[in-house]
Amino acid sequence: MTEEQPTRASVTVLPGEPIRFPSRGDGDGGGRAVRKDEIDIEERGIYVESWLPERRSRRRPLYLLHGELGGSWLWERYLGYFAGRGWEAHALNLRAHFWSSTAEVADLTFEYYLEDVRAGLARLGPNPVLVAHGLGALLAMKAAESAALGGIVLISPPLPRELRGPPEAHRLRQVPSVFRRDLVGWAGMPEQIRRLNPDLSIADVLRVQHMLGQESGAARRAMLSGVPVDREALMRLPRLVVGAGLDRLFPEGESERVATWLEADYQPFGAHSHYGTVIGEESFRQVADAIRGFLEAHRL
């Protein structure tokens, strides 16, 4: 958690307190009441934000994994959308992200993050569905190699090692031990950033800029070097890959390559940006609807 990010005490909805969304509000909870809960995994210093339907259902729990610089804040609209439609939705905060405990970010690694993901999985119900964004999608692929899951949804996933060429040494050297939003192009003026991400409102842009934290350079270097993924282990699961046509961090063409490699369902959104797929006031809903269709088609 950085100085710019809110503490848990700033959240206006307390755990267990019912929330009711309008039918087409920000969270788009479908007009159904949901309640907020939390999972503290003290031994790892990580926090899972949970939004639960007021009435239990047979749907599989959703486990939402953020990418670089993110946190459970990234999934706020998804949490409301899916909890309001009967799914438990649990958004992980990796160590040193948002509400999870602070740590020396320079000491964190991709492998450390993967253990965070596995620790959260162990606290959920049976056979959850992983829904993951950016770097989180690579963590999801690795977690899926050994976990009992119901399915997996990858939004703008990085290429695994099997689809990458040799790592570019100069790119790896350019990654600092700790980096912030400037490395991913989010340090400019809001109007300039919105021109590059037209599916986001100015309010969306300001929120992303404010909430982006700091990130492990070692985890980014691992991603750029190529993390191996056991493709056959994922083939047993229902699989959906989502690509974003305006994504400058993880281009849509690379998402399609991952989908082809995994023989997964593929849904491109040509007018969506990287963050627009999950946080855009309007654009998130199109992606959430596609994910909902995938879940319903596979009875998850």
Protein backbone atom coordinates (compact mmCIF):
# COMPACT_ATOMS: atom_id res chain seq x y z
CA MET A 1 0.00 0.00 0.00
CA THR A 2 1.43 3.36 -0.99
CA GLU A 3 0.86 6.78 0.54
CA GLU A 4 -1.49 7.64 -2.34
CA GLN A 5 -3.81 4.72 -1.72
CA PRO A 6 -6.72 4.67 0.73
CA THR A 7 -6.73 2.53 3.83
CA ARG A 8 -9.46 0.06 4.62
CA ALA A 9 -10.96 2.57 7.01
CA SER A 10 -11.82 4.83 4.06
CA VAL A 11 -14.20 2.27 2.56
CA THR A 12 -17.77 3.38 3.12
CA VAL A 13 -19.33 -0.11 2.96
CA LEU A 14 -18.46 -2.34 5.89
CA PRO A 15 -18.04 -6.13 5.65
CA GLY A 16 -21.41 -7.83 5.88
CA GLU A 17 -23.35 -4.64 5.16
CA PRO A 18 -25.88 -5.13 2.33
CA ILE A 19 -25.42 -3.05 -0.81
CA ARG A 20 -28.11 -2.47 -3.41
CA PHE A 21 -27.28 -1.25 -6.89
CA PRO A 22 -29.61 0.40 -9.36
CA SER A 23 -30.25 -1.78 -12.36
CA ARG A 24 -27.72 0.07 -14.55
CA GLY A 25 -25.56 1.83 -11.99
CA ASP A 26 -21.80 2.00 -11.70
CA GLY A 27 -21.48 -1.46 -10.25
CA ASP A 28 -24.36 -2.73 -12.40
CA GLY A 29 -25.42 -5.17 -9.74
CA GLY A 30 -28.56 -6.06 -11.67
CA GLY A 31 -30.81 -4.46 -9.05
CA ARG A 32 -30.04 -7.26 -6.56
CA ALA A 33 -28.60 -6.75 -3.10
CA VAL A 34 -25.11 -8.02 -2.40
CA ARG A 35 -22.93 -7.85 0.69
CA LYS A 36 -19.27 -7.16 1.10
CA ASP A 37 -16.90 -9.45 2.98
CA GLU A 38 -13.16 -9.98 3.25
CA ILE A 39 -10.54 -12.68 3.60
CA ASP A 40 -7.37 -11.83 5.50
CA ILE A 41 -4.52 -14.28 4.97
CA GLU A 42 -2.33 -13.06 7.77
CA GLU A 43 0.52 -15.51 7.27
CA ARG A 44 1.20 -13.97 3.84
CA GLY A 45 -0.02 -10.46 4.54
CA ILE A 46 -2.57 -10.52 1.72
CA TYR A 47 -6.17 -9.36 1.60
CA VAL A 48 -9.02 -10.60 -0.59
CA GLU A 49 -11.99 -8.30 -1.19
CA SER A 50 -15.19 -10.32 -1.53
CA TRP A 51 -18.61 -9.30 -2.83
CA LEU A 52 -21.25 -11.96 -2.25
CA PRO A 53 -24.82 -12.41 -3.43
CA GLU A 54 -27.42 -11.95 -0.73
CA ARG A 55 -28.65 -15.46 -1.45
CA ARG A 56 -26.28 -18.34 -2.02
CA SER A 57 -26.34 -20.06 -5.40
CA ARG A 58 -24.73 -23.07 -7.06
CA ARG A 59 -22.53 -20.91 -9.25
CA ARG A 60 -18.78 -21.35 -9.03
CA PRO A 61 -16.91 -18.65 -7.09
CA LEU A 62 -14.94 -16.19 -9.21
CA TYR A 63 -11.33 -15.41 -8.25
CA LEU A 64 -10.21 -12.11 -9.77
CA LEU A 65 -6.48 -11.49 -10.26
CA HIS A 66 -5.15 -8.00 -11.03
CA GLY A 67 -2.06 -7.22 -13.08
CA GLU A 68 0.89 -4.89 -12.66
CA LEU A 69 0.42 -1.90 -10.32
CA GLY A 70 -3.16 -2.92 -9.62
CA GLY A 71 -5.30 -4.21 -6.79
CA SER A 72 -8.85 -5.22 -5.99
CA TRP A 73 -9.92 -1.63 -6.79
CA LEU A 74 -9.50 -2.53 -10.44
CA TRP A 75 -12.36 -5.03 -10.20
CA GLU A 76 -14.93 -2.91 -8.38
CA ARG A 77 -17.40 -2.88 -11.28
CA TYR A 78 -16.93 -6.63 -11.89
CA LEU A 79 -17.49 -7.35 -8.21
CA GLY A 80 -20.83 -5.57 -8.29
CA TYR A 81 -21.82 -6.95 -11.69
CA PHE A 82 -21.24 -10.61 -10.87
CA ALA A 83 -22.29 -10.62 -7.20
CA GLY A 84 -25.54 -8.98 -8.28
CA ARG A 85 -26.12 -11.89 -10.64
CA GLY A 86 -25.48 -14.71 -8.22
CA TRP A 87 -21.70 -15.29 -8.32
CA GLU A 88 -19.39 -14.95 -5.35
CA ALA A 89 -16.61 -12.63 -6.54
CA HIS A 90 -13.29 -12.52 -4.72
CA ALA A 91 -10.58 -10.01 -5.78
CA LEU A 92 -7.04 -10.71 -4.57
CA ASN A 93 -4.56 -8.02 -3.60
CA LEU A 94 -1.04 -9.33 -4.15
CA ARG A 95 1.47 -8.54 -1.40
CA ALA A 96 2.30 -4.81 -1.26
CA HIS A 97 -0.70 -3.96 -3.46
CA PHE A 98 -3.62 -1.80 -2.29
CA TRP A 99 -5.00 -3.25 0.98
CA SER A 100 -2.47 -6.05 1.43
CA SER A 101 0.46 -5.62 3.78
CA THR A 102 3.43 -3.53 2.78
CA ALA A 103 6.70 -5.18 1.79
CA GLU A 104 10.01 -4.38 0.17
CA VAL A 105 8.71 -4.41 -3.39
CA ALA A 106 12.22 -4.87 -4.81
CA ASP A 107 12.36 -8.24 -3.01
CA LEU A 108 9.12 -9.57 -4.51
CA THR A 109 9.19 -11.93 -7.48
CA PHE A 110 6.82 -13.61 -9.90
CA GLU A 111 7.14 -16.81 -7.85
CA TYR A 112 6.22 -14.93 -4.66
CA TYR A 113 3.10 -13.54 -6.36
CA LEU A 114 2.20 -17.05 -7.54
CA GLU A 115 2.27 -18.28 -3.94
CA ASP A 116 -0.04 -15.39 -3.02
CA VAL A 117 -2.47 -16.57 -5.70
CA ARG A 118 -2.34 -20.13 -4.43
CA ALA A 119 -2.88 -19.02 -0.83
CA GLY A 120 -6.05 -17.20 -1.87
CA LEU A 121 -7.27 -20.19 -3.86
CA ALA A 122 -7.00 -22.38 -0.79
CA ARG A 123 -9.53 -20.17 1.01
CA LEU A 124 -12.26 -20.26 -1.65
CA GLY A 125 -15.01 -22.74 -2.39
CA PRO A 126 -14.56 -25.76 -4.69
CA ASN A 127 -13.49 -25.36 -8.30
CA PRO A 128 -13.44 -21.56 -8.64
CA VAL A 129 -13.13 -19.79 -11.98
CA LEU A 130 -10.02 -17.64 -12.42
CA VAL A 131 -10.66 -14.28 -14.09
CA ALA A 132 -7.38 -12.46 -14.62
CA HIS A 133 -6.02 -9.31 -16.26
CA GLY A 134 -2.57 -8.56 -17.68
CA LEU A 135 0.22 -10.03 -15.56
CA GLY A 136 -2.49 -11.63 -13.45
CA ALA A 137 -3.43 -13.76 -16.48
CA LEU A 138 0.07 -15.24 -16.56
CA LEU A 139 -0.21 -15.97 -12.83
CA ALA A 140 -3.58 -17.59 -13.53
CA MET A 141 -2.12 -19.87 -16.21
CA LYS A 142 0.60 -21.00 -13.82
CA ALA A 143 -1.85 -21.53 -10.94
CA ALA A 144 -4.12 -23.56 -13.24
CA GLU A 145 -1.37 -26.10 -13.81
CA SER A 146 -1.93 -27.65 -10.38
CA ALA A 147 -5.22 -26.25 -9.01
CA ALA A 148 -8.69 -27.77 -9.16
CA LEU A 149 -10.58 -25.13 -11.12
CA GLY A 150 -13.90 -24.74 -12.86
CA GLY A 151 -12.55 -22.59 -15.71
CA ILE A 152 -10.23 -19.75 -16.64
CA VAL A 153 -10.76 -16.33 -18.24
CA LEU A 154 -7.67 -14.45 -19.46
CA ILE A 155 -8.04 -10.73 -20.26
CA SER A 156 -5.12 -9.29 -22.26
CA PRO A 157 -2.72 -12.08 -21.22
CA PRO A 158 1.07 -11.83 -21.63
CA LEU A 159 2.68 -14.37 -23.92
CA PRO A 160 4.04 -17.44 -22.12
CA ARG A 161 7.57 -18.59 -22.90
CA GLU A 162 6.34 -21.06 -25.51
CA LEU A 163 5.09 -18.17 -27.69
CA ARG A 164 7.98 -15.74 -27.11
CA GLY A 165 11.24 -15.34 -28.91
CA PRO A 166 14.54 -15.04 -27.04
CA PRO A 167 14.41 -12.35 -24.32
CA GLU A 168 15.74 -8.95 -25.36
CA ALA A 169 18.58 -8.13 -22.99
CA HIS A 170 18.26 -4.36 -23.42
CA ARG A 171 14.56 -4.44 -22.45
CA LEU A 172 15.33 -6.41 -19.32
CA ARG A 173 18.08 -3.99 -18.32
CA GLN A 174 15.66 -1.07 -18.63
CA VAL A 175 13.35 -2.44 -15.94
CA PRO A 176 14.17 -0.93 -12.51
CA SER A 177 13.91 -2.95 -9.31
CA VAL A 178 10.74 -1.00 -8.43
CA PHE A 179 8.64 0.93 -10.93
CA ARG A 180 5.52 3.06 -11.01
CA ARG A 181 2.95 4.25 -13.53
CA ASP A 182 5.42 6.14 -15.72
CA LEU A 183 6.86 2.84 -16.99
CA VAL A 184 3.48 1.82 -18.41
CA GLY A 185 2.61 5.21 -19.92
CA TRP A 186 0.27 6.52 -17.25
CA ALA A 187 2.19 9.52 -15.91
CA GLY A 188 0.94 12.13 -18.40
CA MET A 189 -1.92 14.59 -18.37
CA PRO A 190 -5.37 12.97 -18.07
CA GLU A 191 -6.60 14.44 -21.36
CA GLN A 192 -3.58 13.03 -23.20
CA ILE A 193 -4.04 9.59 -21.65
CA ARG A 194 -7.73 9.59 -22.53
CA ARG A 195 -6.92 10.25 -26.20
CA LEU A 196 -4.97 6.97 -26.16
CA ASN A 197 -7.71 5.21 -24.17
CA PRO A 198 -10.96 6.62 -25.59
CA ASP A 199 -13.15 3.98 -23.94
CA LEU A 200 -12.32 5.53 -20.56
CA SER A 201 -13.97 8.63 -19.17
CA ILE A 202 -11.84 11.36 -17.58
CA ALA A 203 -13.13 10.11 -14.21
CA ASP A 204 -11.90 6.61 -15.10
CA VAL A 205 -8.48 7.96 -16.11
CA LEU A 206 -8.13 9.94 -12.90
CA ARG A 207 -9.08 6.90 -10.84
CA VAL A 208 -6.54 4.66 -12.55
CA GLN A 209 -3.82 7.30 -12.21
CA HIS A 210 -4.59 7.78 -8.53
CA MET A 211 -4.78 4.09 -7.67
CA LEU A 212 -1.81 2.66 -9.57
CA GLY A 213 0.77 1.68 -6.98
CA GLN A 214 4.29 0.36 -7.33
CA GLU A 215 5.51 -2.87 -8.82
CA SER A 216 8.25 -5.47 -8.66
CA GLY A 217 10.81 -5.17 -11.44
CA ALA A 218 11.77 -8.81 -10.92
CA ALA A 219 8.20 -9.92 -11.71
CA ARG A 220 8.16 -7.82 -14.88
CA ARG A 221 11.54 -9.16 -16.00
CA ALA A 222 10.28 -12.71 -15.48
CA MET A 223 7.26 -11.93 -17.67
CA LEU A 224 9.43 -10.39 -20.41
CA SER A 225 11.88 -13.29 -20.26
CA GLY A 226 9.03 -15.75 -20.67
CA VAL A 227 7.34 -17.88 -18.02
CA PRO A 228 6.76 -21.49 -19.14
CA VAL A 229 3.18 -22.73 -19.04
CA ASP A 230 2.03 -26.36 -19.14
CA ARG A 231 -0.49 -26.09 -21.97
CA GLU A 232 -1.86 -29.59 -21.51
CA ALA A 233 -2.81 -28.88 -17.90
CA LEU A 234 -5.03 -26.02 -19.06
CA MET A 235 -6.70 -28.00 -21.83
CA ARG A 236 -8.92 -29.78 -19.30
CA LEU A 237 -10.64 -26.49 -18.39
CA PRO A 238 -13.23 -24.32 -20.11
CA ARG A 239 -11.11 -21.42 -21.45
CA LEU A 240 -11.88 -17.90 -22.62
CA VAL A 241 -9.38 -15.30 -23.80
CA VAL A 242 -10.33 -11.64 -24.22
CA GLY A 243 -8.30 -9.26 -26.36
CA ALA A 244 -8.42 -5.45 -26.49
CA GLY A 245 -7.77 -3.70 -29.80
CA LEU A 246 -6.44 -0.50 -28.19
CA ASP A 247 -4.25 -2.27 -25.62
CA ARG A 248 -0.70 -0.88 -25.90
CA LEU A 249 0.65 -3.01 -23.03
CA PHE A 250 -0.57 -6.42 -24.20
CA PRO A 251 -1.63 -6.06 -27.85
CA GLU A 252 -4.75 -7.77 -29.11
CA GLY A 253 -2.78 -9.84 -31.60
CA GLU A 254 -0.87 -11.44 -28.75
CA SER A 255 -4.13 -12.27 -26.96
CA GLU A 256 -5.32 -14.03 -30.11
CA ARG A 257 -2.07 -16.01 -30.23
CA VAL A 258 -2.63 -17.19 -26.66
CA ALA A 259 -6.22 -18.17 -27.48
CA THR A 260 -5.11 -20.14 -30.54
CA TRP A 261 -2.36 -21.87 -28.59
CA LEU A 262 -4.78 -22.85 -25.82
CA GLU A 263 -7.58 -23.71 -28.30
CA ALA A 264 -9.71 -21.38 -26.20
CA ASP A 265 -12.84 -19.38 -26.96
CA TYR A 266 -11.70 -15.96 -28.12
CA GLN A 267 -13.51 -12.63 -27.83
CA PRO A 268 -11.80 -9.50 -29.18
CA PHE A 269 -13.00 -5.98 -28.37
CA GLY A 270 -11.49 -3.74 -31.00
CA ALA A 271 -12.40 -0.42 -29.34
CA HIS A 272 -11.25 -1.35 -25.83
CA SER A 273 -8.06 -0.34 -24.07
CA HIS A 274 -6.09 -2.28 -21.46
CA TYR A 275 -7.92 -0.80 -18.48
CA GLY A 276 -11.13 -0.24 -20.41
CA THR A 277 -11.78 -3.99 -20.37
CA VAL A 278 -12.16 -3.96 -16.60
CA ILE A 279 -12.69 -0.45 -15.28
CA GLY A 280 -14.27 1.56 -18.11
CA GLU A 281 -17.57 3.04 -17.00
CA GLU A 282 -19.27 1.77 -20.15
CA SER A 283 -16.73 -0.54 -21.80
CA PHE A 284 -16.36 -2.92 -18.86
CA ARG A 285 -19.97 -4.07 -19.24
CA GLN A 286 -19.45 -5.47 -22.75
CA VAL A 287 -16.57 -7.62 -21.50
CA ALA A 288 -18.44 -8.64 -18.35
CA ASP A 289 -21.43 -9.66 -20.49
CA ALA A 290 -19.15 -11.84 -22.65
CA ILE A 291 -17.65 -13.47 -19.58
CA ARG A 292 -21.10 -14.04 -18.15
CA GLY A 293 -22.16 -15.71 -21.39
CA PHE A 294 -19.10 -17.99 -21.21
CA LEU A 295 -19.86 -18.90 -17.60
CA GLU A 296 -23.50 -19.65 -18.34
CA ALA A 297 -22.64 -21.69 -21.44
CA HIS A 298 -20.39 -23.92 -19.33
CA ARG A 299 -22.78 -23.91 -16.33
CA LEU A 300 -20.15 -22.40 -14.08
